[in-house]
Structure formats: C-alpha cells, structure tokens
Amino acid sequence: YRQAPGKQRELVADITRGSNTNYADAVKGRFTISRDNAKNTVYLQ
C-alpha cells in the first residue's frame, strides 16, 4: 500500500499464496509484485 501526504492509504498491488497478482490501475505495466517463499520476502519492482 502507499500513502501520499494528505491522501488516504491506497492499495498498490497484492499477491496471493498462489502468486496471483492484482495491481492498481495507476501502476499497471510499471510495477511488479513478487514473492520469494524461501527468503520470506515480498518485493515491489
């Protein structure tokens, strides 16, 4: 999620346990969410 000054917090992208992804329209095609289960880490490129 992200929150800009004076604005509400908004969803940027999410990823399920099965690695299905969903993106806000404002970031589609520019941002990529991914997960590395072995490292217990989620990334946002």
PDB file of all heavy atoms in Angstrom:
ATOM      1  N   TYR A   1       0.855  -1.170   0.000  1.00  0.00           N
ATOM      2  CA  TYR A   1       0.000   0.000   0.000  1.00  0.00           C
ATOM      3  C   TYR A   1       0.900   1.231   0.000  1.00  0.00           C
ATOM      4  O   TYR A   1       2.081   1.155   0.311  1.00  0.00           O
ATOM      5  CB  TYR A   1      -0.874   0.032   1.256  1.00  0.00           C
ATOM      6  CG  TYR A   1      -2.048  -0.906   1.247  1.00  0.00           C
ATOM      7  CD1 TYR A   1      -1.881  -2.277   1.443  1.00  0.00           C
ATOM      8  CD2 TYR A   1      -3.352  -0.430   1.064  1.00  0.00           C
ATOM      9  CE1 TYR A   1      -2.958  -3.140   1.441  1.00  0.00           C
ATOM     10  CE2 TYR A   1      -4.444  -1.271   1.072  1.00  0.00           C
ATOM     11  CZ  TYR A   1      -4.235  -2.630   1.262  1.00  0.00           C
ATOM     12  OH  TYR A   1      -5.322  -3.478   1.267  1.00  0.00           O
ATOM     13  N   ARG A   2       0.317   2.365  -0.319  1.00  0.00           N
ATOM     14  CA  ARG A   2       1.053   3.615  -0.215  1.00  0.00           C
ATOM     15  C   ARG A   2       0.140   4.730   0.282  1.00  0.00           C
ATOM     16  O   ARG A   2      -1.073   4.678   0.103  1.00  0.00           O
ATOM     17  CB  ARG A   2       1.691   4.005  -1.554  1.00  0.00           C
ATOM     18  CG  ARG A   2       0.702   4.382  -2.648  1.00  0.00           C
ATOM     19  CD  ARG A   2       1.450   4.610  -3.964  1.00  0.00           C
ATOM     20  NE  ARG A   2       0.541   5.006  -5.048  1.00  0.00           N
ATOM     21  CZ  ARG A   2       0.921   5.139  -6.311  1.00  0.00           C
ATOM     22  NH1 ARG A   2       2.190   4.913  -6.665  1.00  0.00           N
ATOM     23  NH2 ARG A   2       0.032   5.492  -7.238  1.00  0.00           N
ATOM     24  N   GLN A   3       0.777   5.710   0.909  1.00  0.00           N
ATOM     25  CA  GLN A   3       0.031   6.862   1.403  1.00  0.00           C
ATOM     26  C   GLN A   3       0.829   8.122   1.130  1.00  0.00           C
ATOM     27  O   GLN A   3       1.948   8.290   1.652  1.00  0.00           O
ATOM     28  CB  GLN A   3      -0.262   6.737   2.897  1.00  0.00           C
ATOM     29  CG  GLN A   3      -1.172   7.819   3.424  1.00  0.00           C
ATOM     30  CD  GLN A   3      -1.694   7.501   4.812  1.00  0.00           C
ATOM     31  OE1 GLN A   3      -1.144   6.679   5.540  1.00  0.00           O
ATOM     32  NE2 GLN A   3      -2.796   8.150   5.177  1.00  0.00           N
ATOM     33  N   ALA A   4       0.257   8.983   0.302  1.00  0.00           N
ATOM     34  CA  ALA A   4       0.867  10.275  -0.004  1.00  0.00           C
ATOM     35  C   ALA A   4       0.365  11.301   1.002  1.00  0.00           C
ATOM     36  O   ALA A   4      -0.707  11.127   1.589  1.00  0.00           O
ATOM     37  CB  ALA A   4       0.513  10.691  -1.428  1.00  0.00           C
ATOM     38  N   PRO A   5       1.101  12.389   1.195  1.00  0.00           N
ATOM     39  CA  PRO A   5       0.672  13.425   2.150  1.00  0.00           C
ATOM     40  C   PRO A   5      -0.724  13.935   1.837  1.00  0.00           C
ATOM     41  O   PRO A   5      -1.030  14.287   0.694  1.00  0.00           O
ATOM     42  CB  PRO A   5       1.724  14.519   1.963  1.00  0.00           C
ATOM     43  CG  PRO A   5       2.923  13.811   1.466  1.00  0.00           C
ATOM     44  CD  PRO A   5       2.411  12.699   0.601  1.00  0.00           C
ATOM     45  N   GLY A   6      -1.572  13.956   2.838  1.00  0.00           N
ATOM     46  CA  GLY A   6      -2.930  14.469   2.670  1.00  0.00           C
ATOM     47  C   GLY A   6      -3.892  13.535   1.966  1.00  0.00           C
ATOM     48  O   GLY A   6      -5.027  13.917   1.685  1.00  0.00           O
ATOM     49  N   LYS A   7      -3.436  12.304   1.682  1.00  0.00           N
ATOM     50  CA  LYS A   7      -4.293  11.359   0.967  1.00  0.00           C
ATOM     51  C   LYS A   7      -4.488  10.091   1.798  1.00  0.00           C
ATOM     52  O   LYS A   7      -3.731   9.812   2.717  1.00  0.00           O
ATOM     53  CB  LYS A   7      -3.695  11.014  -0.394  1.00  0.00           C
ATOM     54  CG  LYS A   7      -3.639  12.182  -1.358  1.00  0.00           C
ATOM     55  CD  LYS A   7      -3.215  11.736  -2.739  1.00  0.00           C
ATOM     56  CE  LYS A   7      -3.238  12.880  -3.735  1.00  0.00           C
ATOM     57  NZ  LYS A   7      -2.857  12.442  -5.099  1.00  0.00           N
ATOM     58  N   GLN A   8      -5.512   9.341   1.432  1.00  0.00           N
ATOM     59  CA  GLN A   8      -5.763   8.077   2.112  1.00  0.00           C
ATOM     60  C   GLN A   8      -4.783   7.014   1.634  1.00  0.00           C
ATOM     61  O   GLN A   8      -4.264   7.078   0.511  1.00  0.00           O
ATOM     62  CB  GLN A   8      -7.202   7.620   1.843  1.00  0.00           C
ATOM     63  CG  GLN A   8      -8.262   8.462   2.537  1.00  0.00           C
ATOM     64  CD  GLN A   8      -9.650   7.854   2.423  1.00  0.00           C
ATOM     65  OE1 GLN A   8      -9.951   7.154   1.462  1.00  0.00           O
ATOM     66  NE2 GLN A   8     -10.491   8.114   3.409  1.00  0.00           N
ATOM     67  N   ARG A   9      -4.565   6.044   2.478  1.00  0.00           N
ATOM     68  CA  ARG A   9      -3.737   4.908   2.098  1.00  0.00           C
ATOM     69  C   ARG A   9      -4.466   4.121   1.008  1.00  0.00           C
ATOM     70  O   ARG A   9      -5.671   3.887   1.097  1.00  0.00           O
ATOM     71  CB  ARG A   9      -3.458   4.026   3.312  1.00  0.00           C
ATOM     72  CG  ARG A   9      -2.395   2.982   3.106  1.00  0.00           C
ATOM     73  CD  ARG A   9      -2.040   2.287   4.416  1.00  0.00           C
ATOM     74  NE  ARG A   9      -1.466   3.216   5.395  1.00  0.00           N
ATOM     75  CZ  ARG A   9      -0.913   2.826   6.540  1.00  0.00           C
ATOM     76  NH1 ARG A   9      -0.850   1.534   6.844  1.00  0.00           N
ATOM     77  NH2 ARG A   9      -0.440   3.715   7.372  1.00  0.00           N
ATOM     78  N   GLU A  10      -3.714   3.715  -0.020  1.00  0.00           N
ATOM     79  CA  GLU A  10      -4.319   3.006  -1.136  1.00  0.00           C
ATOM     80  C   GLU A  10      -3.529   1.756  -1.489  1.00  0.00           C
ATOM     81  O   GLU A  10      -2.308   1.703  -1.304  1.00  0.00           O
ATOM     82  CB  GLU A  10      -4.395   3.921  -2.373  1.00  0.00           C
ATOM     83  CG  GLU A  10      -3.054   4.385  -2.893  1.00  0.00           C
ATOM     84  CD  GLU A  10      -3.173   5.241  -4.150  1.00  0.00           C
ATOM     85  OE1 GLU A  10      -4.301   5.540  -4.596  1.00  0.00           O
ATOM     86  OE2 GLU A  10      -2.113   5.622  -4.702  1.00  0.00           O
ATOM     87  N   LEU A  11      -4.243   0.774  -2.012  1.00  0.00           N
ATOM     88  CA  LEU A  11      -3.604  -0.460  -2.445  1.00  0.00           C
ATOM     89  C   LEU A  11      -2.813  -0.208  -3.719  1.00  0.00           C
ATOM     90  O   LEU A  11      -3.314   0.395  -4.666  1.00  0.00           O
ATOM     91  CB  LEU A  11      -4.657  -1.537  -2.699  1.00  0.00           C
ATOM     92  CG  LEU A  11      -4.134  -2.863  -3.241  1.00  0.00           C
ATOM     93  CD1 LEU A  11      -3.284  -3.581  -2.205  1.00  0.00           C
ATOM     94  CD2 LEU A  11      -5.296  -3.742  -3.689  1.00  0.00           C
ATOM     95  N   VAL A  12      -1.584  -0.693  -3.737  1.00  0.00           N
ATOM     96  CA  VAL A  12      -0.743  -0.612  -4.930  1.00  0.00           C
ATOM     97  C   VAL A  12      -0.777  -1.939  -5.678  1.00  0.00           C
ATOM     98  O   VAL A  12      -1.019  -1.988  -6.882  1.00  0.00           O
ATOM     99  CB  VAL A  12       0.707  -0.259  -4.556  1.00  0.00           C
ATOM    100  CG1 VAL A  12       1.604  -0.278  -5.787  1.00  0.00           C
ATOM    101  CG2 VAL A  12       0.770   1.105  -3.868  1.00  0.00           C
ATOM    102  N   ALA A  13      -0.518  -3.022  -4.955  1.00  0.00           N
ATOM    103  CA  ALA A  13      -0.500  -4.351  -5.572  1.00  0.00           C
ATOM    104  C   ALA A  13      -0.606  -5.400  -4.482  1.00  0.00           C
ATOM    105  O   ALA A  13      -0.183  -5.162  -3.349  1.00  0.00           O
ATOM    106  CB  ALA A  13       0.779  -4.566  -6.380  1.00  0.00           C
ATOM    107  N   ASP A  14      -1.179  -6.544  -4.833  1.00  0.00           N
ATOM    108  CA  ASP A  14      -1.185  -7.647  -3.881  1.00  0.00           C
ATOM    109  C   ASP A  14      -0.888  -8.959  -4.590  1.00  0.00           C
ATOM    110  O   ASP A  14      -0.950  -9.045  -5.822  1.00  0.00           O
ATOM    111  CB  ASP A  14      -2.483  -7.713  -3.069  1.00  0.00           C
ATOM    112  CG  ASP A  14      -3.723  -7.939  -3.908  1.00  0.00           C
ATOM    113  OD1 ASP A  14      -3.611  -8.463  -5.031  1.00  0.00           O
ATOM    114  OD2 ASP A  14      -4.821  -7.590  -3.435  1.00  0.00           O
ATOM    115  N   ILE A  15      -0.536  -9.943  -3.778  1.00  0.00           N
ATOM    116  CA  ILE A  15      -0.156 -11.251  -4.310  1.00  0.00           C
ATOM    117  C   ILE A  15      -0.646 -12.319  -3.333  1.00  0.00           C
ATOM    118  O   ILE A  15      -0.471 -12.206  -2.126  1.00  0.00           O
ATOM    119  CB  ILE A  15       1.371 -11.336  -4.541  1.00  0.00           C
ATOM    120  CG1 ILE A  15       1.753 -12.657  -5.220  1.00  0.00           C
ATOM    121  CG2 ILE A  15       2.149 -11.137  -3.245  1.00  0.00           C
ATOM    122  CD1 ILE A  15       3.174 -12.648  -5.775  1.00  0.00           C
ATOM    123  N   THR A  16      -1.288 -13.327  -3.875  1.00  0.00           N
ATOM    124  CA  THR A  16      -1.823 -14.390  -3.035  1.00  0.00           C
ATOM    125  C   THR A  16      -0.768 -15.457  -2.769  1.00  0.00           C
ATOM    126  O   THR A  16       0.328 -15.442  -3.337  1.00  0.00           O
ATOM    127  CB  THR A  16      -3.021 -15.055  -3.719  1.00  0.00           C
ATOM    128  OG1 THR A  16      -2.552 -15.738  -4.897  1.00  0.00           O
ATOM    129  CG2 THR A  16      -4.074 -14.023  -4.104  1.00  0.00           C
ATOM    130  N   ARG A  17      -1.150 -16.400  -1.935  1.00  0.00           N
ATOM    131  CA  ARG A  17      -0.254 -17.513  -1.641  1.00  0.00           C
ATOM    132  C   ARG A  17       0.082 -18.274  -2.921  1.00  0.00           C
ATOM    133  O   ARG A  17       1.205 -18.761  -3.077  1.00  0.00           O
ATOM    134  CB  ARG A  17      -0.916 -18.445  -0.635  1.00  0.00           C
ATOM    135  CG  ARG A  17      -0.057 -19.601  -0.166  1.00  0.00           C
ATOM    136  CD  ARG A  17      -0.859 -20.515   0.734  1.00  0.00           C
ATOM    137  NE  ARG A  17      -1.282 -19.830   1.955  1.00  0.00           N
ATOM    138  CZ  ARG A  17      -2.228 -20.311   2.766  1.00  0.00           C
ATOM    139  NH1 ARG A  17      -2.842 -21.431   2.472  1.00  0.00           N
ATOM    140  NH2 ARG A  17      -2.549 -19.648   3.859  1.00  0.00           N
ATOM    141  N   GLY A  18      -0.857 -18.294  -3.834  1.00  0.00           N
ATOM    142  CA  GLY A  18      -0.636 -18.977  -5.105  1.00  0.00           C
ATOM    143  C   GLY A  18      -0.005 -18.104  -6.165  1.00  0.00           C
ATOM    144  O   GLY A  18       0.050 -18.479  -7.334  1.00  0.00           O
ATOM    145  N   SER A  19       0.446 -16.908  -5.758  1.00  0.00           N
ATOM    146  CA  SER A  19       1.137 -15.953  -6.640  1.00  0.00           C
ATOM    147  C   SER A  19       0.243 -15.315  -7.683  1.00  0.00           C
ATOM    148  O   SER A  19       0.736 -14.831  -8.706  1.00  0.00           O
ATOM    149  CB  SER A  19       2.367 -16.588  -7.295  1.00  0.00           C
ATOM    150  OG  SER A  19       3.342 -16.893  -6.326  1.00  0.00           O
ATOM    151  N   ASN A  20      -1.053 -15.306  -7.451  1.00  0.00           N
ATOM    152  CA  ASN A  20      -1.924 -14.479  -8.284  1.00  0.00           C
ATOM    153  C   ASN A  20      -1.736 -13.030  -7.871  1.00  0.00           C
ATOM    154  O   ASN A  20      -1.642 -12.720  -6.686  1.00  0.00           O
ATOM    155  CB  ASN A  20      -3.378 -14.896  -8.114  1.00  0.00           C
ATOM    156  CG  ASN A  20      -3.622 -16.291  -8.651  1.00  0.00           C
ATOM    157  OD1 ASN A  20      -3.201 -16.633  -9.752  1.00  0.00           O
ATOM    158  ND2 ASN A  20      -4.301 -17.125  -7.872  1.00  0.00           N
ATOM    159  N   THR A  21      -1.705 -12.135  -8.849  1.00  0.00           N
ATOM    160  CA  THR A  21      -1.409 -10.733  -8.559  1.00  0.00           C
ATOM    161  C   THR A  21      -2.529  -9.817  -9.004  1.00  0.00           C
ATOM    162  O   THR A  21      -3.326 -10.135  -9.877  1.00  0.00           O
ATOM    163  CB  THR A  21      -0.106 -10.295  -9.241  1.00  0.00           C
ATOM    164  OG1 THR A  21      -0.229 -10.482 -10.653  1.00  0.00           O
ATOM    165  CG2 THR A  21       1.075 -11.107  -8.721  1.00  0.00           C
ATOM    166  N   ASN A  22      -2.535  -8.639  -8.391  1.00  0.00           N
ATOM    167  CA  ASN A  22      -3.531  -7.625  -8.691  1.00  0.00           C
ATOM    168  C   ASN A  22      -2.849  -6.276  -8.528  1.00  0.00           C
ATOM    169  O   ASN A  22      -2.045  -6.095  -7.595  1.00  0.00           O
ATOM    170  CB  ASN A  22      -4.710  -7.738  -7.722  1.00  0.00           C
ATOM    171  CG  ASN A  22      -5.724  -6.646  -7.909  1.00  0.00           C
ATOM    172  OD1 ASN A  22      -6.266  -6.466  -8.988  1.00  0.00           O
ATOM    173  ND2 ASN A  22      -5.974  -5.878  -6.843  1.00  0.00           N
ATOM    174  N   TYR A  23      -3.155  -5.334  -9.452  1.00  0.00           N
ATOM    175  CA  TYR A  23      -2.498  -4.032  -9.419  1.00  0.00           C
ATOM    176  C   TYR A  23      -3.507  -2.898  -9.501  1.00  0.00           C
ATOM    177  O   TYR A  23      -4.533  -3.008 -10.177  1.00  0.00           O
ATOM    178  CB  TYR A  23      -1.532  -3.895 -10.603  1.00  0.00           C
ATOM    179  CG  TYR A  23      -0.385  -4.862 -10.568  1.00  0.00           C
ATOM    180  CD1 TYR A  23      -0.471  -6.097 -11.208  1.00  0.00           C
ATOM    181  CD2 TYR A  23       0.797  -4.551  -9.892  1.00  0.00           C
ATOM    182  CE1 TYR A  23       0.581  -7.003 -11.168  1.00  0.00           C
ATOM    183  CE2 TYR A  23       1.854  -5.443  -9.849  1.00  0.00           C
ATOM    184  CZ  TYR A  23       1.729  -6.669 -10.483  1.00  0.00           C
ATOM    185  OH  TYR A  23       2.779  -7.552 -10.447  1.00  0.00           O
ATOM    186  N   ALA A  24      -3.170  -1.785  -8.868  1.00  0.00           N
ATOM    187  CA  ALA A  24      -3.934  -0.567  -9.061  1.00  0.00           C
ATOM    188  C   ALA A  24      -3.719  -0.091 -10.493  1.00  0.00           C
ATOM    189  O   ALA A  24      -2.632  -0.248 -11.067  1.00  0.00           O
ATOM    190  CB  ALA A  24      -3.472   0.503  -8.080  1.00  0.00           C
ATOM    191  N   ASP A  25      -4.751   0.516 -11.055  1.00  0.00           N
ATOM    192  CA  ASP A  25      -4.656   0.980 -12.442  1.00  0.00           C
ATOM    193  C   ASP A  25      -3.475   1.937 -12.634  1.00  0.00           C
ATOM    194  O   ASP A  25      -2.820   1.930 -13.675  1.00  0.00           O
ATOM    195  CB  ASP A  25      -5.951   1.679 -12.857  1.00  0.00           C
ATOM    196  CG  ASP A  25      -7.107   0.703 -13.059  1.00  0.00           C
ATOM    197  OD1 ASP A  25      -6.845  -0.508 -13.194  1.00  0.00           O
ATOM    198  OD2 ASP A  25      -8.266   1.156 -13.071  1.00  0.00           O
ATOM    199  N   ALA A  26      -3.194   2.746 -11.615  1.00  0.00           N
ATOM    200  CA  ALA A  26      -2.155   3.775 -11.749  1.00  0.00           C
ATOM    201  C   ALA A  26      -0.753   3.190 -11.916  1.00  0.00           C
ATOM    202  O   ALA A  26       0.158   3.885 -12.377  1.00  0.00           O
ATOM    203  CB  ALA A  26      -2.181   4.698 -10.539  1.00  0.00           C
ATOM    204  N   VAL A  27      -0.571   1.915 -11.541  1.00  0.00           N
ATOM    205  CA  VAL A  27       0.778   1.334 -11.591  1.00  0.00           C
ATOM    206  C   VAL A  27       0.885   0.163 -12.560  1.00  0.00           C
ATOM    207  O   VAL A  27       1.977  -0.372 -12.761  1.00  0.00           O
ATOM    208  CB  VAL A  27       1.245   0.888 -10.190  1.00  0.00           C
ATOM    209  CG1 VAL A  27       1.120   2.044  -9.204  1.00  0.00           C
ATOM    210  CG2 VAL A  27       0.499  -0.332  -9.699  1.00  0.00           C
ATOM    211  N   LYS A  28      -0.214  -0.228 -13.178  1.00  0.00           N
ATOM    212  CA  LYS A  28      -0.183  -1.368 -14.108  1.00  0.00           C
ATOM    213  C   LYS A  28       0.808  -1.112 -15.227  1.00  0.00           C
ATOM    214  O   LYS A  28       0.840  -0.036 -15.811  1.00  0.00           O
ATOM    215  CB  LYS A  28      -1.576  -1.601 -14.692  1.00  0.00           C
ATOM    216  CG  LYS A  28      -2.512  -2.349 -13.773  1.00  0.00           C
ATOM    217  CD  LYS A  28      -3.872  -2.571 -14.431  1.00  0.00           C
ATOM    218  CE  LYS A  28      -4.804  -3.308 -13.490  1.00  0.00           C
ATOM    219  NZ  LYS A  28      -6.164  -3.464 -14.076  1.00  0.00           N
ATOM    220  N   GLY A  29       1.616  -2.113 -15.507  1.00  0.00           N
ATOM    221  CA  GLY A  29       2.616  -2.002 -16.560  1.00  0.00           C
ATOM    222  C   GLY A  29       3.922  -1.380 -16.105  1.00  0.00           C
ATOM    223  O   GLY A  29       4.907  -1.400 -16.852  1.00  0.00           O
ATOM    224  N   ARG A  30       3.948  -0.824 -14.908  1.00  0.00           N
ATOM    225  CA  ARG A  30       5.175  -0.204 -14.382  1.00  0.00           C
ATOM    226  C   ARG A  30       5.707  -0.911 -13.143  1.00  0.00           C
ATOM    227  O   ARG A  30       6.923  -0.966 -12.944  1.00  0.00           O
ATOM    228  CB  ARG A  30       4.914   1.270 -14.038  1.00  0.00           C
ATOM    229  CG  ARG A  30       4.457   2.112 -15.209  1.00  0.00           C
ATOM    230  CD  ARG A  30       4.417   3.598 -14.845  1.00  0.00           C
ATOM    231  NE  ARG A  30       3.451   3.894 -13.787  1.00  0.00           N
ATOM    232  CZ  ARG A  30       3.775   4.470 -12.626  1.00  0.00           C
ATOM    233  NH1 ARG A  30       5.015   4.825 -12.374  1.00  0.00           N
ATOM    234  NH2 ARG A  30       2.837   4.712 -11.733  1.00  0.00           N
ATOM    235  N   PHE A  31       4.816  -1.421 -12.310  1.00  0.00           N
ATOM    236  CA  PHE A  31       5.209  -2.074 -11.057  1.00  0.00           C
ATOM    237  C   PHE A  31       4.962  -3.570 -11.161  1.00  0.00           C
ATOM    238  O   PHE A  31       4.014  -4.012 -11.821  1.00  0.00           O
ATOM    239  CB  PHE A  31       4.390  -1.532  -9.889  1.00  0.00           C
ATOM    240  CG  PHE A  31       4.686  -0.114  -9.488  1.00  0.00           C
ATOM    241  CD1 PHE A  31       5.462   0.726 -10.275  1.00  0.00           C
ATOM    242  CD2 PHE A  31       4.156   0.395  -8.313  1.00  0.00           C
ATOM    243  CE1 PHE A  31       5.718   2.034  -9.897  1.00  0.00           C
ATOM    244  CE2 PHE A  31       4.406   1.698  -7.918  1.00  0.00           C
ATOM    245  CZ  PHE A  31       5.183   2.518  -8.711  1.00  0.00           C
ATOM    246  N   THR A  32       5.811  -4.341 -10.474  1.00  0.00           N
ATOM    247  CA  THR A  32       5.644  -5.790 -10.419  1.00  0.00           C
ATOM    248  C   THR A  32       5.840  -6.263  -8.984  1.00  0.00           C
ATOM    249  O   THR A  32       6.873  -5.978  -8.366  1.00  0.00           O
ATOM    250  CB  THR A  32       6.661  -6.503 -11.325  1.00  0.00           C
ATOM    251  OG1 THR A  32       6.513  -6.035 -12.671  1.00  0.00           O
ATOM    252  CG2 THR A  32       6.437  -8.010 -11.297  1.00  0.00           C
ATOM    253  N   ILE A  33       4.850  -6.988  -8.481  1.00  0.00           N
ATOM    254  CA  ILE A  33       4.953  -7.580  -7.151  1.00  0.00           C
ATOM    255  C   ILE A  33       5.349  -9.041  -7.310  1.00  0.00           C
ATOM    256  O   ILE A  33       4.884  -9.730  -8.230  1.00  0.00           O
ATOM    257  CB  ILE A  33       3.630  -7.431  -6.359  1.00  0.00           C
ATOM    258  CG1 ILE A  33       3.809  -7.859  -4.908  1.00  0.00           C
ATOM    259  CG2 ILE A  33       2.489  -8.185  -7.032  1.00  0.00           C
ATOM    260  CD1 ILE A  33       2.606  -7.523  -4.019  1.00  0.00           C
ATOM    261  N   SER A  34       6.210  -9.507  -6.421  1.00  0.00           N
ATOM    262  CA  SER A  34       6.637 -10.903  -6.473  1.00  0.00           C
ATOM    263  C   SER A  34       6.954 -11.363  -5.058  1.00  0.00           C
ATOM    264  O   SER A  34       7.072 -10.551  -4.143  1.00  0.00           O
ATOM    265  CB  SER A  34       7.852 -11.079  -7.382  1.00  0.00           C
ATOM    266  OG  SER A  34       8.960 -10.339  -6.886  1.00  0.00           O
ATOM    267  N   ARG A  35       7.070 -12.666  -4.901  1.00  0.00           N
ATOM    268  CA  ARG A  35       7.368 -13.220  -3.583  1.00  0.00           C
ATOM    269  C   ARG A  35       8.403 -14.320  -3.708  1.00  0.00           C
ATOM    270  O   ARG A  35       8.424 -15.051  -4.711  1.00  0.00           O
ATOM    271  CB  ARG A  35       6.107 -13.739  -2.907  1.00  0.00           C
ATOM    272  CG  ARG A  35       5.381 -14.839  -3.655  1.00  0.00           C
ATOM    273  CD  ARG A  35       3.995 -15.083  -3.072  1.00  0.00           C
ATOM    274  NE  ARG A  35       4.072 -15.656  -1.730  1.00  0.00           N
ATOM    275  CZ  ARG A  35       3.062 -15.614  -0.862  1.00  0.00           C
ATOM    276  NH1 ARG A  35       1.930 -15.027  -1.188  1.00  0.00           N
ATOM    277  NH2 ARG A  35       3.190 -16.174   0.319  1.00  0.00           N
ATOM    278  N   ASP A  36       9.263 -14.406  -2.700  1.00  0.00           N
ATOM    279  CA  ASP A  36      10.256 -15.467  -2.612  1.00  0.00           C
ATOM    280  C   ASP A  36       9.991 -16.191  -1.295  1.00  0.00           C
ATOM    281  O   ASP A  36      10.401 -15.721  -0.225  1.00  0.00           O
ATOM    282  CB  ASP A  36      11.667 -14.880  -2.658  1.00  0.00           C
ATOM    283  CG  ASP A  36      12.743 -15.952  -2.712  1.00  0.00           C
ATOM    284  OD1 ASP A  36      12.505 -17.075  -2.229  1.00  0.00           O
ATOM    285  OD2 ASP A  36      13.823 -15.653  -3.229  1.00  0.00           O
ATOM    286  N   ASN A  37       9.296 -17.314  -1.388  1.00  0.00           N
ATOM    287  CA  ASN A  37       8.915 -18.024  -0.170  1.00  0.00           C
ATOM    288  C   ASN A  37      10.131 -18.524   0.605  1.00  0.00           C
ATOM    289  O   ASN A  37      10.111 -18.573   1.836  1.00  0.00           O
ATOM    290  CB  ASN A  37       7.996 -19.193  -0.516  1.00  0.00           C
ATOM    291  CG  ASN A  37       6.644 -18.730  -1.037  1.00  0.00           C
ATOM    292  OD1 ASN A  37       6.183 -17.630  -0.725  1.00  0.00           O
ATOM    293  ND2 ASN A  37       6.018 -19.565  -1.851  1.00  0.00           N
ATOM    294  N   ALA A  38      11.190 -18.862  -0.103  1.00  0.00           N
ATOM    295  CA  ALA A  38      12.390 -19.367   0.572  1.00  0.00           C
ATOM    296  C   ALA A  38      13.054 -18.292   1.429  1.00  0.00           C
ATOM    297  O   ALA A  38      13.679 -18.589   2.447  1.00  0.00           O
ATOM    298  CB  ALA A  38      13.376 -19.904  -0.456  1.00  0.00           C
ATOM    299  N   LYS A  39      12.909 -17.036   1.009  1.00  0.00           N
ATOM    300  CA  LYS A  39      13.504 -15.910   1.745  1.00  0.00           C
ATOM    301  C   LYS A  39      12.473 -15.185   2.608  1.00  0.00           C
ATOM    302  O   LYS A  39      12.810 -14.199   3.257  1.00  0.00           O
ATOM    303  CB  LYS A  39      14.154 -14.932   0.772  1.00  0.00           C
ATOM    304  CG  LYS A  39      15.342 -15.511   0.021  1.00  0.00           C
ATOM    305  CD  LYS A  39      15.986 -14.469  -0.875  1.00  0.00           C
ATOM    306  CE  LYS A  39      17.212 -15.047  -1.572  1.00  0.00           C
ATOM    307  NZ  LYS A  39      17.857 -14.045  -2.471  1.00  0.00           N
ATOM    308  N   ASN A  40      11.226 -15.647   2.580  1.00  0.00           N
ATOM    309  CA  ASN A  40      10.152 -14.994   3.350  1.00  0.00           C
ATOM    310  C   ASN A  40      10.071 -13.507   3.034  1.00  0.00           C
ATOM    311  O   ASN A  40       9.915 -12.665   3.931  1.00  0.00           O
ATOM    312  CB  ASN A  40      10.350 -15.219   4.848  1.00  0.00           C
ATOM    313  CG  ASN A  40      10.224 -16.671   5.224  1.00  0.00           C
ATOM    314  OD1 ASN A  40       9.391 -17.389   4.653  1.00  0.00           O
ATOM    315  ND2 ASN A  40      11.046 -17.119   6.142  1.00  0.00           N
ATOM    316  N   THR A  41      10.182 -13.189   1.770  1.00  0.00           N
ATOM    317  CA  THR A  41      10.265 -11.800   1.339  1.00  0.00           C
ATOM    318  C   THR A  41       9.343 -11.558   0.151  1.00  0.00           C
ATOM    319  O   THR A  41       9.223 -12.402  -0.742  1.00  0.00           O
ATOM    320  CB  THR A  41      11.707 -11.436   0.963  1.00  0.00           C
ATOM    321  OG1 THR A  41      12.553 -11.633   2.102  1.00  0.00           O
ATOM    322  CG2 THR A  41      11.816  -9.984   0.525  1.00  0.00           C
ATOM    323  N   VAL A  42       8.713 -10.391   0.170  1.00  0.00           N
ATOM    324  CA  VAL A  42       7.900  -9.920  -0.950  1.00  0.00           C
ATOM    325  C   VAL A  42       8.577  -8.672  -1.508  1.00  0.00           C
ATOM    326  O   VAL A  42       9.098  -7.846  -0.747  1.00  0.00           O
ATOM    327  CB  VAL A  42       6.465  -9.606  -0.502  1.00  0.00           C
ATOM    328  CG1 VAL A  42       5.680  -8.952  -1.630  1.00  0.00           C
ATOM    329  CG2 VAL A  42       5.771 -10.879  -0.052  1.00  0.00           C
ATOM    330  N   TYR A  43       8.542  -8.554  -2.819  1.00  0.00           N
ATOM    331  CA  TYR A  43       9.205  -7.440  -3.490  1.00  0.00           C
ATOM    332  C   TYR A  43       8.205  -6.604  -4.270  1.00  0.00           C
ATOM    333  O   TYR A  43       7.162  -7.094  -4.685  1.00  0.00           O
ATOM    334  CB  TYR A  43      10.269  -7.960  -4.459  1.00  0.00           C
ATOM    335  CG  TYR A  43      11.313  -8.830  -3.825  1.00  0.00           C
ATOM    336  CD1 TYR A  43      11.220 -10.220  -3.887  1.00  0.00           C
ATOM    337  CD2 TYR A  43      12.400  -8.273  -3.147  1.00  0.00           C
ATOM    338  CE1 TYR A  43      12.172 -11.033  -3.297  1.00  0.00           C
ATOM    339  CE2 TYR A  43      13.360  -9.084  -2.557  1.00  0.00           C
ATOM    340  CZ  TYR A  43      13.243 -10.456  -2.632  1.00  0.00           C
ATOM    341  OH  TYR A  43      14.188 -11.250  -2.049  1.00  0.00           O
ATOM    342  N   LEU A  44       8.568  -5.350  -4.479  1.00  0.00           N
ATOM    343  CA  LEU A  44       7.825  -4.488  -5.391  1.00  0.00           C
ATOM    344  C   LEU A  44       8.852  -3.805  -6.290  1.00  0.00           C
ATOM    345  O   LEU A  44       9.586  -2.925  -5.830  1.00  0.00           O
ATOM    346  CB  LEU A  44       6.985  -3.449  -4.649  1.00  0.00           C
ATOM    347  CG  LEU A  44       6.101  -2.587  -5.544  1.00  0.00           C
ATOM    348  CD1 LEU A  44       4.977  -3.439  -6.164  1.00  0.00           C
ATOM    349  CD2 LEU A  44       5.499  -1.418  -4.761  1.00  0.00           C
ATOM    350  N   GLN A  45       8.920  -4.256  -7.522  1.00  0.00           N
ATOM    351  CA  GLN A  45       9.792  -3.627  -8.507  1.00  0.00           C
ATOM    352  C   GLN A  45       9.035  -2.476  -9.140  1.00  0.00           C
ATOM    353  O   GLN A  45       7.960  -2.673  -9.714  1.00  0.00           O
ATOM    354  CB  GLN A  45      10.221  -4.634  -9.577  1.00  0.00           C
ATOM    355  CG  GLN A  45      11.086  -4.042 -10.674  1.00  0.00           C
ATOM    356  CD  GLN A  45      12.440  -3.592 -10.180  1.00  0.00           C
ATOM    357  OE1 GLN A  45      13.091  -4.297  -9.405  1.00  0.00           O
ATOM    358  NE2 GLN A  45      12.876  -2.416 -10.607  1.00  0.00           N
TER     359      GLN A  45
END
